[in-house]
Amino acid sequence: MRAKIDTDVLFISCEDVPPFKKGGSVVRNSYFWALRSIAAQSRRDRDWEYEAEVWLALQRMLISFSESGYLYLRETILEFPDGTEIPSTLRSISTWLTPD
């Protein structure tokens, strides 16, 4: 999921957040609600926002869903622009986007 940090707020691209689908996969829908439950802002048309206070919870959640085996790695890892300094709390679930 494409991500960026601005003034201690993590933004996850709204295009990369898993959508809720009525009658869809229980794991994917649970993932959607788990991500939404700790987000400061989670509107469909805007990037989802996570304040620094919840980054540890986000890290644990992403690891847990990643280890479940039901989601793709690209759905549970944060991808930052190349050269971005990634805070230590988020390093274990993050990578950098490489330019094409």
N, C-alpha and C. Protein backbone atom coordinates (compact mmCIF):
# COMPACT_ATOMS: atom_id res chain seq x y z
N MET A 1 0.85 -1.16 0.00
CA MET A 1 0.00 0.00 0.00
C MET A 1 0.90 1.23 0.00
N ARG A 2 0.67 2.09 -0.95
CA ARG A 2 1.48 3.30 -1.03
C ARG A 2 1.21 4.19 0.19
N ALA A 3 2.29 4.69 0.77
CA ALA A 3 2.18 5.47 2.00
C ALA A 3 3.14 6.65 1.98
N LYS A 4 2.82 7.63 2.81
CA LYS A 4 3.71 8.77 3.03
C LYS A 4 3.45 9.28 4.44
N ILE A 5 4.41 10.03 4.96
CA ILE A 5 4.28 10.61 6.29
C ILE A 5 4.44 12.12 6.17
N ASP A 6 3.54 12.84 6.83
CA ASP A 6 3.61 14.29 6.86
C ASP A 6 3.21 14.73 8.26
N THR A 7 4.08 15.43 8.94
CA THR A 7 3.88 15.93 10.30
C THR A 7 3.30 14.86 11.24
N ASP A 8 4.01 13.74 11.34
CA ASP A 8 3.66 12.63 12.22
C ASP A 8 2.29 12.01 11.94
N VAL A 9 1.83 12.13 10.72
CA VAL A 9 0.62 11.45 10.29
C VAL A 9 0.98 10.59 9.10
N LEU A 10 0.63 9.31 9.18
CA LEU A 10 0.84 8.36 8.09
C LEU A 10 -0.38 8.40 7.19
N PHE A 11 -0.16 8.55 5.90
CA PHE A 11 -1.23 8.55 4.92
C PHE A 11 -1.08 7.30 4.06
N ILE A 12 -2.15 6.52 3.95
CA ILE A 12 -2.18 5.35 3.07
C ILE A 12 -3.11 5.70 1.91
N SER A 13 -2.63 5.47 0.70
CA SER A 13 -3.40 5.80 -0.49
C SER A 13 -4.78 5.16 -0.46
N CYS A 14 -5.81 5.97 -0.67
CA CYS A 14 -7.18 5.44 -0.66
C CYS A 14 -7.38 4.40 -1.76
N GLU A 15 -6.59 4.48 -2.82
CA GLU A 15 -6.69 3.50 -3.91
C GLU A 15 -6.15 2.13 -3.51
N ASP A 16 -5.31 2.09 -2.48
CA ASP A 16 -4.67 0.84 -2.06
C ASP A 16 -5.32 0.18 -0.86
N VAL A 17 -6.21 0.90 -0.18
CA VAL A 17 -6.90 0.33 0.98
C VAL A 17 -7.87 -0.73 0.48
N PRO A 18 -7.91 -1.89 1.14
CA PRO A 18 -8.82 -2.94 0.66
C PRO A 18 -10.28 -2.49 0.80
N PRO A 19 -11.08 -2.69 -0.23
CA PRO A 19 -12.47 -2.26 -0.15
C PRO A 19 -13.32 -3.24 0.65
N PHE A 20 -14.35 -2.72 1.28
CA PHE A 20 -15.34 -3.57 1.94
C PHE A 20 -16.31 -4.04 0.86
N LYS A 21 -16.58 -5.34 0.85
CA LYS A 21 -17.52 -5.90 -0.12
C LYS A 21 -18.56 -6.72 0.62
N LYS A 22 -19.81 -6.28 0.54
CA LYS A 22 -20.89 -7.03 1.17
C LYS A 22 -20.91 -8.43 0.57
N GLY A 23 -20.84 -9.43 1.42
CA GLY A 23 -20.81 -10.81 0.96
C GLY A 23 -19.44 -11.25 0.48
N GLY A 24 -18.45 -10.40 0.69
CA GLY A 24 -17.09 -10.72 0.25
C GLY A 24 -16.35 -11.57 1.28
N SER A 25 -15.06 -11.73 1.05
CA SER A 25 -14.21 -12.52 1.92
C SER A 25 -14.25 -12.00 3.36
N VAL A 26 -14.43 -12.91 4.29
CA VAL A 26 -14.46 -12.53 5.71
C VAL A 26 -13.13 -11.92 6.12
N VAL A 27 -12.02 -12.49 5.66
CA VAL A 27 -10.70 -11.98 6.04
C VAL A 27 -10.51 -10.57 5.49
N ARG A 28 -10.82 -10.35 4.21
CA ARG A 28 -10.64 -9.02 3.62
C ARG A 28 -11.54 -7.99 4.27
N ASN A 29 -12.77 -8.36 4.56
CA ASN A 29 -13.68 -7.42 5.21
C ASN A 29 -13.23 -7.14 6.65
N SER A 30 -12.73 -8.15 7.34
CA SER A 30 -12.20 -7.94 8.69
C SER A 30 -10.99 -7.02 8.64
N TYR A 31 -10.15 -7.21 7.63
CA TYR A 31 -8.97 -6.37 7.44
C TYR A 31 -9.39 -4.92 7.22
N PHE A 32 -10.38 -4.70 6.36
CA PHE A 32 -10.91 -3.36 6.10
C PHE A 32 -11.36 -2.71 7.41
N TRP A 33 -12.18 -3.41 8.19
CA TRP A 33 -12.71 -2.83 9.43
C TRP A 33 -11.61 -2.63 10.48
N ALA A 34 -10.64 -3.52 10.53
CA ALA A 34 -9.53 -3.36 11.47
C ALA A 34 -8.72 -2.11 11.13
N LEU A 35 -8.40 -1.93 9.83
CA LEU A 35 -7.67 -0.73 9.42
C LEU A 35 -8.48 0.52 9.70
N ARG A 36 -9.75 0.45 9.42
CA ARG A 36 -10.61 1.63 9.61
C ARG A 36 -10.77 1.97 11.09
N SER A 37 -10.78 0.97 11.95
CA SER A 37 -11.04 1.20 13.37
C SER A 37 -9.98 2.04 14.06
N ILE A 38 -8.74 2.03 13.56
CA ILE A 38 -7.69 2.82 14.20
C ILE A 38 -7.29 4.04 13.38
N ALA A 39 -7.94 4.25 12.25
CA ALA A 39 -7.63 5.40 11.41
C ALA A 39 -8.22 6.68 12.00
N ALA A 40 -7.47 7.76 11.88
CA ALA A 40 -7.98 9.06 12.30
C ALA A 40 -9.01 9.56 11.27
N GLN A 41 -8.73 9.32 10.01
CA GLN A 41 -9.64 9.66 8.90
C GLN A 41 -9.67 8.48 7.95
N SER A 42 -10.84 8.11 7.47
CA SER A 42 -10.93 6.97 6.55
C SER A 42 -12.08 7.16 5.56
N ARG A 43 -11.96 8.19 4.76
CA ARG A 43 -12.99 8.46 3.76
C ARG A 43 -12.63 7.78 2.45
N ARG A 44 -13.63 7.41 1.68
CA ARG A 44 -13.39 6.70 0.43
C ARG A 44 -12.58 7.50 -0.58
N ASP A 45 -12.80 8.78 -0.63
CA ASP A 45 -12.18 9.61 -1.66
C ASP A 45 -10.89 10.29 -1.23
N ARG A 46 -10.41 9.96 -0.03
CA ARG A 46 -9.18 10.57 0.49
C ARG A 46 -8.29 9.50 1.09
N ASP A 47 -7.00 9.80 1.14
CA ASP A 47 -6.05 8.88 1.77
C ASP A 47 -6.43 8.70 3.23
N TRP A 48 -6.25 7.47 3.72
CA TRP A 48 -6.54 7.19 5.11
C TRP A 48 -5.40 7.69 5.98
N GLU A 49 -5.72 8.25 7.14
CA GLU A 49 -4.74 8.88 8.01
C GLU A 49 -4.60 8.11 9.33
N TYR A 50 -3.34 7.93 9.73
CA TYR A 50 -3.03 7.26 10.98
C TYR A 50 -2.04 8.12 11.77
N GLU A 51 -2.45 8.52 12.96
CA GLU A 51 -1.59 9.33 13.81
C GLU A 51 -0.52 8.44 14.46
N ALA A 52 0.59 9.04 14.84
CA ALA A 52 1.73 8.30 15.38
C ALA A 52 1.36 7.43 16.58
N GLU A 53 0.35 7.82 17.33
CA GLU A 53 -0.05 7.06 18.52
C GLU A 53 -0.54 5.65 18.19
N VAL A 54 -0.98 5.41 16.96
CA VAL A 54 -1.51 4.09 16.61
C VAL A 54 -0.56 3.29 15.71
N TRP A 55 0.61 3.81 15.43
CA TRP A 55 1.53 3.13 14.51
C TRP A 55 1.92 1.74 15.01
N LEU A 56 2.12 1.58 16.30
CA LEU A 56 2.47 0.26 16.84
C LEU A 56 1.32 -0.72 16.62
N ALA A 57 0.11 -0.28 16.87
CA ALA A 57 -1.07 -1.13 16.64
C ALA A 57 -1.19 -1.47 15.15
N LEU A 58 -0.94 -0.49 14.29
CA LEU A 58 -0.98 -0.73 12.85
C LEU A 58 0.07 -1.75 12.44
N GLN A 59 1.27 -1.59 12.98
CA GLN A 59 2.34 -2.54 12.68
C GLN A 59 1.92 -3.96 13.05
N ARG A 60 1.41 -4.15 14.25
CA ARG A 60 1.01 -5.47 14.72
C ARG A 60 -0.13 -6.03 13.87
N MET A 61 -1.06 -5.17 13.50
CA MET A 61 -2.18 -5.60 12.67
C MET A 61 -1.70 -6.06 11.30
N LEU A 62 -0.82 -5.28 10.67
CA LEU A 62 -0.32 -5.65 9.35
C LEU A 62 0.47 -6.96 9.39
N ILE A 63 1.28 -7.13 10.42
CA ILE A 63 2.02 -8.39 10.57
C ILE A 63 1.06 -9.56 10.73
N SER A 64 0.07 -9.39 11.56
CA SER A 64 -0.89 -10.45 11.82
C SER A 64 -1.64 -10.86 10.56
N PHE A 65 -2.15 -9.88 9.82
CA PHE A 65 -2.87 -10.21 8.59
C PHE A 65 -1.93 -10.77 7.52
N SER A 66 -0.70 -10.31 7.50
CA SER A 66 0.28 -10.84 6.55
C SER A 66 0.57 -12.30 6.85
N GLU A 67 0.74 -12.63 8.11
CA GLU A 67 1.05 -14.00 8.51
C GLU A 67 -0.14 -14.95 8.34
N SER A 68 -1.34 -14.40 8.20
CA SER A 68 -2.52 -15.26 8.04
C SER A 68 -2.47 -16.05 6.74
N GLY A 69 -1.78 -15.51 5.74
CA GLY A 69 -1.67 -16.21 4.46
C GLY A 69 -2.84 -15.98 3.52
N TYR A 70 -3.82 -15.20 3.92
CA TYR A 70 -4.99 -14.96 3.09
C TYR A 70 -4.87 -13.71 2.22
N LEU A 71 -3.89 -12.87 2.50
CA LEU A 71 -3.73 -11.62 1.76
C LEU A 71 -2.37 -11.61 1.09
N TYR A 72 -2.28 -10.89 -0.01
CA TYR A 72 -1.00 -10.74 -0.71
C TYR A 72 -0.10 -9.79 0.07
N LEU A 73 1.20 -9.97 -0.09
CA LEU A 73 2.17 -9.12 0.59
C LEU A 73 1.94 -7.65 0.25
N ARG A 74 1.64 -7.35 -1.00
CA ARG A 74 1.44 -5.94 -1.40
C ARG A 74 0.23 -5.31 -0.71
N GLU A 75 -0.63 -6.14 -0.15
CA GLU A 75 -1.81 -5.63 0.55
C GLU A 75 -1.53 -5.36 2.03
N THR A 76 -0.40 -5.85 2.52
CA THR A 76 -0.11 -5.73 3.95
C THR A 76 1.23 -5.06 4.23
N ILE A 77 1.83 -4.46 3.23
CA ILE A 77 3.11 -3.78 3.43
C ILE A 77 2.96 -2.33 2.98
N LEU A 78 3.60 -1.44 3.71
CA LEU A 78 3.58 -0.02 3.38
C LEU A 78 4.72 0.28 2.42
N GLU A 79 4.43 0.96 1.34
CA GLU A 79 5.44 1.30 0.34
C GLU A 79 5.63 2.82 0.32
N PHE A 80 6.81 3.24 0.74
CA PHE A 80 7.12 4.66 0.82
C PHE A 80 7.93 5.10 -0.41
N PRO A 81 7.82 6.37 -0.77
CA PRO A 81 8.67 6.87 -1.87
C PRO A 81 10.14 6.63 -1.54
N ASP A 82 10.91 6.32 -2.57
CA ASP A 82 12.34 6.04 -2.42
C ASP A 82 13.02 7.17 -1.67
N GLY A 83 13.82 6.81 -0.69
CA GLY A 83 14.58 7.79 0.07
C GLY A 83 13.87 8.33 1.31
N THR A 84 12.61 7.96 1.50
CA THR A 84 11.86 8.42 2.68
C THR A 84 12.44 7.77 3.93
N GLU A 85 12.59 8.54 4.98
CA GLU A 85 13.03 7.97 6.25
C GLU A 85 11.82 7.32 6.92
N ILE A 86 11.91 6.02 7.12
CA ILE A 86 10.81 5.25 7.69
C ILE A 86 11.02 5.15 9.20
N PRO A 87 10.04 5.57 10.00
CA PRO A 87 10.17 5.48 11.46
C PRO A 87 10.38 4.03 11.90
N SER A 88 11.13 3.84 12.97
CA SER A 88 11.47 2.50 13.43
C SER A 88 10.24 1.64 13.71
N THR A 89 9.18 2.22 14.20
CA THR A 89 7.96 1.47 14.48
C THR A 89 7.37 0.82 13.23
N LEU A 90 7.57 1.45 12.08
CA LEU A 90 6.96 0.98 10.84
C LEU A 90 7.92 0.19 9.94
N ARG A 91 9.19 0.13 10.29
CA ARG A 91 10.20 -0.49 9.41
C ARG A 91 9.91 -1.95 9.09
N SER A 92 9.44 -2.71 10.05
CA SER A 92 9.24 -4.15 9.82
C SER A 92 8.12 -4.46 8.84
N ILE A 93 7.27 -3.48 8.55
CA ILE A 93 6.16 -3.71 7.64
C ILE A 93 6.21 -2.73 6.47
N SER A 94 7.40 -2.23 6.17
CA SER A 94 7.54 -1.20 5.13
C SER A 94 8.66 -1.52 4.15
N THR A 95 8.58 -0.87 3.00
CA THR A 95 9.61 -0.93 1.99
C THR A 95 9.58 0.39 1.23
N TRP A 96 10.52 0.55 0.30
CA TRP A 96 10.52 1.74 -0.53
C TRP A 96 10.07 1.38 -1.93
N LEU A 97 9.34 2.28 -2.54
CA LEU A 97 8.97 2.13 -3.95
C LEU A 97 10.19 2.47 -4.77
N THR A 98 10.52 1.64 -5.72
CA THR A 98 11.66 1.94 -6.58
C THR A 98 11.14 2.59 -7.87
N PRO A 99 11.84 3.61 -8.34
CA PRO A 99 11.40 4.26 -9.58
C PRO A 99 11.48 3.28 -10.74
N ASP A 100 10.53 3.38 -11.66
CA ASP A 100 10.50 2.50 -12.84
C ASP A 100 11.59 2.80 -13.80
